[in-house]
C-alpha cells in the first residue's frame, strides 16, 4: 500500500522532525514534502519510492498506520 499524506504527517508529529529534515533524509526538497502532505501534488515515482523505503526500512519511521480519517 502506498504511503499516504496522513502517514507522513503522523510521522512528523510523532517524531518532532521538520519537513526539511525528512526531505533531506529522503534526498528531495522540502516543497515536495509539503505539496504531498497538503494534497497539492501526487507523489512522483521517486518520492513514492523514497517514502516507501524510508517507512519500510528506517527504524526512525516505524510502520505507517494508514487508516481512513
C-alpha atoms as a PDB file:
ATOM      1  CA  UNK A   1       0.000   0.000   0.000  1.00  0.00           C
ATOM      2  CA  UNK A   2       1.451   3.399  -0.930  1.00  0.00           C
ATOM      3  CA  UNK A   3       2.430   5.806   1.810  1.00  0.00           C
ATOM      4  CA  UNK A   4      -0.342   8.345   2.359  1.00  0.00           C
ATOM      5  CA  UNK A   5      -0.009  12.023   3.295  1.00  0.00           C
ATOM      6  CA  UNK A   6      -1.536  11.236   6.702  1.00  0.00           C
ATOM      7  CA  UNK A   7       1.274   8.717   7.342  1.00  0.00           C
ATOM      8  CA  UNK A   8       3.865  11.410   6.744  1.00  0.00           C
ATOM      9  CA  UNK A   9       2.004  13.953   8.873  1.00  0.00           C
ATOM     10  CA  UNK A  10       1.719  11.494  11.760  1.00  0.00           C
ATOM     11  CA  UNK A  11       5.403  10.656  11.495  1.00  0.00           C
ATOM     12  CA  UNK A  12       6.344  14.347  11.609  1.00  0.00           C
ATOM     13  CA  UNK A  13       4.053  14.958  14.603  1.00  0.00           C
ATOM     14  CA  UNK A  14       5.266  11.865  16.448  1.00  0.00           C
ATOM     15  CA  UNK A  15       8.958  12.340  15.755  1.00  0.00           C
ATOM     16  CA  UNK A  16       9.240  16.102  16.012  1.00  0.00           C
ATOM     17  CA  UNK A  17      11.009  16.156  12.656  1.00  0.00           C
ATOM     18  CA  UNK A  18      10.542  19.062  10.288  1.00  0.00           C
ATOM     19  CA  UNK A  19       9.510  18.652   6.679  1.00  0.00           C
ATOM     20  CA  UNK A  20      13.004  19.870   5.762  1.00  0.00           C
ATOM     21  CA  UNK A  21      14.675  17.184   7.877  1.00  0.00           C
ATOM     22  CA  UNK A  22      12.576  14.449   6.286  1.00  0.00           C
ATOM     23  CA  UNK A  23      13.192  15.854   2.812  1.00  0.00           C
ATOM     24  CA  UNK A  24      16.951  15.927   3.404  1.00  0.00           C
ATOM     25  CA  UNK A  25      16.872  12.326   4.641  1.00  0.00           C
ATOM     26  CA  UNK A  26      14.913  11.262   1.547  1.00  0.00           C
ATOM     27  CA  UNK A  27      17.165  13.220  -0.813  1.00  0.00           C
ATOM     28  CA  UNK A  28      14.430  15.511  -2.087  1.00  0.00           C
ATOM     29  CA  UNK A  29      13.453  19.121  -1.484  1.00  0.00           C
ATOM     30  CA  UNK A  30      11.101  20.290   1.256  1.00  0.00           C
ATOM     31  CA  UNK A  31       8.429  21.790  -1.028  1.00  0.00           C
ATOM     32  CA  UNK A  32       7.794  18.321  -2.480  1.00  0.00           C
ATOM     33  CA  UNK A  33       7.020  17.027   1.015  1.00  0.00           C
ATOM     34  CA  UNK A  34       4.747  19.984   1.702  1.00  0.00           C
ATOM     35  CA  UNK A  35       2.841  19.626  -1.575  1.00  0.00           C
ATOM     36  CA  UNK A  36       2.403  15.892  -0.940  1.00  0.00           C
ATOM     37  CA  UNK A  37       1.118  16.378   2.623  1.00  0.00           C
ATOM     38  CA  UNK A  38      -1.316  19.126   1.632  1.00  0.00           C
ATOM     39  CA  UNK A  39      -2.585  17.190  -1.358  1.00  0.00           C
ATOM     40  CA  UNK A  40      -1.483  19.754  -3.929  1.00  0.00           C
ATOM     41  CA  UNK A  41       0.544  17.133  -5.796  1.00  0.00           C
ATOM     42  CA  UNK A  42       0.542  13.389  -6.035  1.00  0.00           C
ATOM     43  CA  UNK A  43       3.966  11.870  -5.430  1.00  0.00           C
ATOM     44  CA  UNK A  44       6.067  11.118  -8.463  1.00  0.00           C
ATOM     45  CA  UNK A  45       7.707   7.670  -8.609  1.00  0.00           C
ATOM     46  CA  UNK A  46      10.926   8.977  -6.997  1.00  0.00           C
ATOM     47  CA  UNK A  47       9.106  10.414  -3.967  1.00  0.00           C
ATOM     48  CA  UNK A  48       6.848   7.372  -3.598  1.00  0.00           C
ATOM     49  CA  UNK A  49       9.849   5.021  -3.706  1.00  0.00           C
ATOM     50  CA  UNK A  50      11.772   7.136  -1.195  1.00  0.00           C
ATOM     51  CA  UNK A  51       8.814   7.246   1.204  1.00  0.00           C
ATOM     52  CA  UNK A  52       8.132   3.519   0.902  1.00  0.00           C
ATOM     53  CA  UNK A  53      11.791   2.681   1.514  1.00  0.00           C
ATOM     54  CA  UNK A  54      12.015   5.035   4.488  1.00  0.00           C
ATOM     55  CA  UNK A  55       8.840   3.774   6.146  1.00  0.00           C
ATOM     56  CA  UNK A  56       9.669   0.114   5.456  1.00  0.00           C
ATOM     57  CA  UNK A  57      13.319   0.074   6.490  1.00  0.00           C
ATOM     58  CA  UNK A  58      14.273   3.059   8.617  1.00  0.00           C
ATOM     59  CA  UNK A  59      13.849   2.413  12.340  1.00  0.00           C
ATOM     60  CA  UNK A  60      13.173   6.121  12.916  1.00  0.00           C
ATOM     61  CA  UNK A  61       9.982   5.913  10.835  1.00  0.00           C
ATOM     62  CA  UNK A  62       8.220   2.944  12.332  1.00  0.00           C
ATOM     63  CA  UNK A  63       5.420   1.314  10.425  1.00  0.00           C
ATOM     64  CA  UNK A  64       2.889   3.605   8.779  1.00  0.00           C
ATOM     65  CA  UNK A  65      -0.558   3.421  10.290  1.00  0.00           C
ATOM     66  CA  UNK A  66      -2.763   4.248   7.341  1.00  0.00           C
ATOM     67  CA  UNK A  67      -6.425   4.428   8.095  1.00  0.00           C
ATOM     68  CA  UNK A  68      -9.419   6.289   6.809  1.00  0.00           C
ATOM     69  CA  UNK A  69      -9.557   9.615   8.636  1.00  0.00           C
END
